[in-house]
Protein backbone atom coordinates (compact mmCIF):
# COMPACT_ATOMS: atom_id res chain seq x y z
CA MET A 1 -33.66 -18.13 42.14
CA THR A 2 -33.18 -16.77 45.49
CA ALA A 3 -31.81 -13.48 46.36
CA ARG A 4 -28.65 -14.95 47.82
CA TYR A 5 -27.75 -17.04 44.78
CA SER A 6 -28.48 -14.16 42.64
CA ALA A 7 -26.14 -11.99 44.69
CA THR A 8 -23.65 -14.84 44.50
CA LEU A 9 -23.51 -15.19 40.75
CA TYR A 10 -23.52 -11.16 40.41
CA ALA A 11 -20.70 -11.40 42.69
CA ILE A 12 -18.66 -13.88 40.23
CA SER A 13 -19.90 -12.14 37.06
CA GLY A 14 -18.07 -8.93 38.72
CA HIS A 15 -15.05 -10.62 39.45
CA TRP A 16 -14.82 -12.08 36.25
CA CYS A 17 -15.53 -8.86 34.49
CA ARG A 18 -12.85 -6.93 36.52
CA MET A 19 -10.13 -9.61 35.42
CA ALA A 20 -11.58 -9.11 31.86
CA LEU A 21 -11.38 -5.16 32.35
CA ASN A 22 -7.47 -5.45 33.53
CA HIS A 23 -6.88 -7.88 30.67
CA SER A 24 -8.34 -5.62 28.21
CA LEU A 25 -6.33 -2.61 29.70
CA ALA A 26 -3.38 -4.47 29.71
CA SER A 27 -3.96 -5.70 26.26
CA GLY A 28 -4.59 -2.05 24.97
CA LEU A 29 -1.65 -0.73 26.74
CA ALA A 30 0.68 -3.49 25.23
CA MET A 31 -0.81 -2.99 21.82
CA ILE A 32 -0.30 0.96 22.39
CA GLY A 33 3.06 0.05 23.24
CA ILE A 34 3.80 -1.95 20.17
CA GLY A 35 2.50 0.66 18.24
CA LEU A 36 4.75 3.21 19.68
CA MET A 37 7.58 0.79 19.31
CA ALA A 38 6.94 0.36 15.63
CA ALA A 39 6.51 4.05 14.96
CA THR A 40 10.04 4.35 16.08
CA SER A 41 11.59 1.01 14.90
CA GLY A 42 13.02 0.29 11.44
CA ALA A 43 11.42 -0.12 8.20
CA ALA A 44 9.41 -3.15 7.11
CA GLU A 45 8.20 -4.75 3.94
CA HIS A 46 5.33 -6.24 2.31
CA ASP A 47 5.53 -9.19 0.13
CA GLU A 48 2.80 -9.83 -2.59
CA ASN A 49 0.35 -12.55 -1.60
CA PRO A 50 -1.90 -13.41 -3.58
CA ASP A 51 -1.30 -12.18 -6.87
CA ALA A 52 -1.92 -8.10 -6.75
CA GLY A 53 -4.55 -6.63 -9.29
CA ASP A 54 -3.78 -3.95 -11.74
CA LEU A 55 -6.09 -1.22 -10.95
CA PRO A 56 -7.10 0.97 -7.98
CA GLY A 57 -10.39 -1.53 -7.21
CA SER A 58 -8.14 -4.54 -7.22
CA ALA A 59 -4.82 -3.31 -5.96
CA GLN A 60 -3.26 -5.06 -2.86
CA ALA A 61 -3.15 -3.08 -0.01
CA THR A 62 0.33 -3.19 1.95
CA VAL A 63 -0.16 -4.32 5.37
CA GLY A 64 2.20 -3.93 8.16
CA PRO A 65 2.89 -2.31 11.73
CA ASP A 66 1.09 0.63 11.83
CA GLY A 67 3.06 3.86 11.56
CA THR A 68 5.93 2.19 10.34
CA ALA A 69 7.83 2.89 7.25
CA LEU A 70 7.42 0.82 4.27
CA ASP A 71 10.95 -0.19 3.07
CA ALA A 72 10.28 -2.36 0.02
CA ILE A 73 7.46 -4.35 -1.85
CA ASN A 74 8.35 -7.78 -3.16
CA GLY A 75 6.56 -9.86 -5.78
CA GLU A 76 6.43 -11.48 -9.16
CA ILE A 77 5.55 -10.58 -12.63
CA GLU A 78 4.04 -14.17 -13.59
CA ASN A 79 3.14 -13.44 -17.40
CA ASP A 80 3.02 -11.26 -20.30
CA ALA A 81 -0.46 -9.80 -19.05
CA ASP A 82 0.59 -9.45 -15.38
CA GLN A 83 0.85 -5.93 -14.16
CA ASP A 84 0.87 -5.47 -10.20
CA MET A 85 -0.60 -2.44 -8.26
CA PHE A 86 -0.15 -1.55 -4.55
CA LYS A 87 -2.08 0.96 -2.32
CA ILE A 88 0.74 2.77 -0.29
CA ILE A 89 0.55 6.01 2.06
CA ILE A 90 3.21 8.54 1.14
CA ASP A 91 4.13 10.51 4.18
CA ASP A 92 6.64 12.75 2.63
CA PRO A 93 6.60 13.77 -1.00
CA VAL A 94 10.10 15.35 -0.83
CA THR A 95 11.63 12.19 0.02
CA PHE A 96 9.54 9.89 -1.87
CA SER A 97 11.30 7.29 -4.17
CA ALA A 98 10.91 4.15 -5.77
CA SER A 99 13.49 1.75 -7.32
CA THR A 100 13.70 -1.85 -8.98
CA ASN A 101 17.38 -1.06 -8.82
CA ASN A 102 18.63 -3.96 -6.84
CA ALA A 103 19.76 -7.42 -7.40
CA ALA A 104 16.27 -9.08 -6.05
CA THR A 105 14.64 -7.82 -9.40
CA THR A 106 15.39 -10.67 -11.44
CA LEU A 107 12.91 -9.97 -14.56
CA PRO A 108 14.91 -10.89 -17.66
CA GLY A 109 17.38 -7.85 -18.12
CA GLY A 110 15.63 -6.29 -15.38
CA ASP A 111 13.45 -4.54 -17.82
CA THR A 112 10.70 -2.98 -15.50
CA MET A 113 8.35 0.07 -15.45
CA LEU A 114 6.89 2.12 -12.50
CA PHE A 115 3.77 4.13 -12.47
CA LEU A 116 2.27 6.27 -9.36
CA PHE A 117 -1.31 7.11 -9.33
CA ASP A 118 -3.45 9.36 -6.78
CA GLU A 119 -6.35 7.81 -4.87
CA ASN A 120 -8.60 8.42 -7.72
CA GLY A 121 -6.39 6.65 -10.22
CA LEU A 122 -5.18 9.50 -11.96
CA GLY A 123 -1.48 9.24 -13.24
CA VAL A 124 1.23 11.11 -11.15
CA LEU A 125 4.46 9.95 -12.00
CA ALA A 126 6.05 7.27 -14.51
CA SER A 127 9.54 6.05 -15.47
CA ASP A 128 11.22 3.40 -17.80
CA ASP A 129 14.98 2.72 -18.25
CA ILE A 130 17.34 4.38 -15.80
CA ASP A 131 19.83 4.78 -18.82
CA GLY A 132 20.91 2.92 -22.14
CA LEU A 133 22.60 0.10 -20.14
CA ASN A 134 20.31 -0.11 -17.02
CA PHE A 135 16.83 -1.26 -17.95
CA LYS A 136 15.64 -1.22 -14.07
CA THR A 137 13.48 1.77 -13.13
CA THR A 138 13.68 4.65 -10.41
CA LEU A 139 11.26 7.12 -9.38
CA ALA A 140 13.26 9.74 -8.23
CA ALA A 141 13.04 11.48 -4.91
CA GLY A 142 11.73 15.07 -5.19
CA SER A 143 9.82 14.04 -8.19
CA LEU A 144 6.67 13.73 -6.37
CA ASP A 145 7.04 17.29 -4.81
CA ASP A 146 7.85 18.54 -7.92
CA ALA A 147 4.66 17.48 -9.23
CA GLY A 148 2.74 19.05 -6.61
CA GLY A 149 1.78 15.97 -4.83
CA LEU A 150 0.76 16.06 -1.17
CA ALA A 151 1.00 13.45 1.37
CA GLY A 152 -1.60 10.91 1.37
CA VAL A 153 -2.97 7.84 -0.28
CA TYR A 154 -1.31 6.46 -3.69
CA TYR A 155 -1.18 3.52 -5.78
CA ILE A 156 2.29 2.30 -7.14
CA ALA A 157 2.34 -0.16 -10.26
CA ILE A 158 4.89 -1.92 -11.94
CA SER A 159 4.85 -3.66 -15.32
CA LYS A 160 7.39 -5.09 -17.72
CA ALA A 161 8.92 -3.28 -20.26
CA PHE A 162 6.35 -1.92 -22.89
CA THR A 163 3.24 -2.39 -20.96
CA VAL A 164 1.60 0.69 -20.21
CA PRO A 165 -1.61 2.16 -18.41
CA SER A 166 -4.63 3.51 -20.57
CA SER A 167 -7.74 5.20 -19.37
CA ASN A 168 -9.48 3.94 -22.51
CA ALA A 169 -10.65 0.14 -22.05
CA GLY A 170 -12.33 0.10 -25.15
CA ASP A 171 -9.31 1.48 -27.20
CA PRO A 172 -6.19 1.32 -24.78
CA GLY A 173 -4.14 3.09 -27.48
CA ALA A 174 -6.41 6.20 -27.65
CA GLY A 175 -6.05 6.33 -23.78
CA GLU A 176 -2.57 6.11 -23.22
CA MET A 177 -2.14 8.04 -20.08
CA TRP A 178 1.64 8.84 -20.57
CA ASN A 179 2.98 9.95 -24.03
CA PRO A 180 4.92 6.96 -25.41
CA ASP A 181 7.62 8.68 -27.39
CA ARG A 182 8.65 9.81 -23.67
CA LEU A 183 8.42 6.56 -21.92
CA GLY A 184 10.47 4.58 -24.43
CA GLY A 185 14.17 3.96 -23.40
CA ALA A 186 16.14 5.78 -20.99
CA THR A 187 13.96 8.59 -18.98
CA THR A 188 13.78 10.99 -16.10
CA THR A 189 10.68 10.39 -13.91
CA LEU A 190 7.72 11.85 -15.87
CA ASP A 191 4.94 13.86 -14.51
CA PHE A 192 2.19 15.80 -16.01
CA ASP A 193 3.38 19.28 -15.18
CA PHE A 194 5.42 19.03 -18.31
CA ILE A 195 2.61 18.79 -21.06
CA PRO A 196 4.90 16.74 -23.58
CA ASN A 197 4.58 13.98 -21.15
CA ARG A 198 1.10 13.68 -21.28
CA GLY A 199 -0.66 11.03 -23.26
CA PRO A 200 -3.99 11.59 -25.05
CA GLY A 201 -5.94 9.82 -21.81
CA TRP A 202 -3.82 11.50 -19.27
CA ASP A 203 -6.79 13.40 -17.30
CA VAL A 204 -8.74 10.22 -16.78
CA ALA A 205 -8.31 7.36 -14.24
CA VAL A 206 -6.52 4.29 -15.30
CA ALA A 207 -8.87 1.67 -16.56
CA THR A 208 -6.76 -1.14 -18.52
CA TRP A 209 -3.20 -1.85 -19.44
CA PHE A 210 -1.82 -1.92 -23.07
CA PRO A 211 0.96 -4.68 -23.74
CA PHE A 212 2.84 -3.64 -26.55
CA PRO A 213 4.39 -7.05 -28.69
CA PHE A 214 7.41 -8.21 -26.40
CA ASP A 215 8.71 -11.32 -25.02
CA ASP A 216 6.54 -13.12 -22.75
CA PHE A 217 8.44 -13.28 -19.41
CA ALA A 218 8.48 -13.88 -16.03
CA GLY A 219 10.24 -12.86 -12.91
CA SER A 220 10.54 -11.24 -9.38
CA TYR A 221 11.02 -7.70 -8.50
CA ARG A 222 11.63 -5.72 -5.40
CA ILE A 223 10.50 -2.29 -5.20
CA GLU A 224 12.74 -0.31 -2.67
CA LEU A 225 10.67 2.77 -1.38
CA THR A 226 11.49 5.84 0.64
CA GLY A 227 9.02 8.49 2.11
CA ALA A 228 6.14 5.71 2.08
CA SER A 229 4.23 3.72 4.90
CA PHE A 230 1.78 0.85 5.10
CA ALA A 231 -1.78 1.42 3.65
CA LEU A 232 -3.13 -1.01 6.71
CA PRO A 233 -2.15 -1.88 10.09
CA GLU A 234 -1.50 -5.61 10.71
CA PRO A 235 -4.75 -7.54 11.20
CA SER A 236 -3.32 -9.07 14.46
CA SER A 237 -3.19 -5.36 15.80
CA ALA A 238 -6.54 -4.36 14.73
CA LEU A 239 -8.11 -7.58 16.10
CA ALA A 240 -6.45 -7.17 19.59
CA LEU A 241 -7.52 -3.61 19.86
CA ALA A 242 -11.28 -4.59 19.15
CA ILE A 243 -11.30 -7.55 21.61
CA GLY A 244 -9.90 -5.03 24.20
CA ALA A 245 -12.48 -2.32 22.95
CA LEU A 246 -15.41 -5.15 23.35
CA GLY A 247 -14.08 -6.20 26.84
CA LEU A 248 -14.26 -2.38 28.18
CA ALA A 249 -17.66 -2.11 26.46
CA GLY A 250 -18.95 -5.30 28.55
CA CYS A 251 -17.40 -4.04 31.65
CA ALA A 252 -18.97 -0.74 31.50
CA ARG A 253 -22.33 -2.30 30.88
CA HIS A 254 -21.94 -4.57 33.92
CA ARG A 255 -20.64 -1.45 36.09
CA ARG A 256 -23.67 0.73 35.12
CA ARG A 257 -25.92 -2.26 35.72
CA ARG A 258 -24.43 -2.75 39.49
CA GLU A 259 -24.80 1.01 39.85
CA THR A 260 -28.67 0.97 39.48
CA HIS A 261 -29.24 -2.06 41.88
């Protein structure tokens, strides 16, 4: 290869690298702009897809615009043995709340239960019926703060009536995390600061679910949230940022090579 031909190729590669650099910078700036707009935009929702698992290791991470409030989680209880758990970020323990008290929750009778676990799978909050006539569920605003909860990673789980988490997979009844006498019927939001709320397995991470005999039914649900955000950014955002970073790194190598010749 002649020196002139080599120089020509190098000049062409430099031209394309400058174009890639400009494109990478533009992409990066665009993604930053999108992120800033998302942080100041309205809330968004997460739709269960595929079926969410029921333990922290199989929980479905909520995915949405980075820095955007998570307004709701929509999903379906498919059968008597189905419980769904989702990974979320709680930004503000004072304002955090969760509720299935809406028309989109169509489980027969709206009979749901909600549970909140910390990042280690330890129980934090639980609730059953809103009152004797409304079988939907609310984790009340302020209850996490009252329980001493801090901002961070949490898991929120939903089950149908009379299906409760246990920390003992071998003997679920012996590991019930919440006192079953406190969960039945109309309840306030239960936390473990109040000792009578504790079941025998209250201080061990959730390991299984214990369904009491009850009708096998299915239906959709909508968990409306406040004080929470998505656990993971949208893949498209992460991919664009990664591509931009690779482009910048490649051009940096090209520039260093040029400077040494």
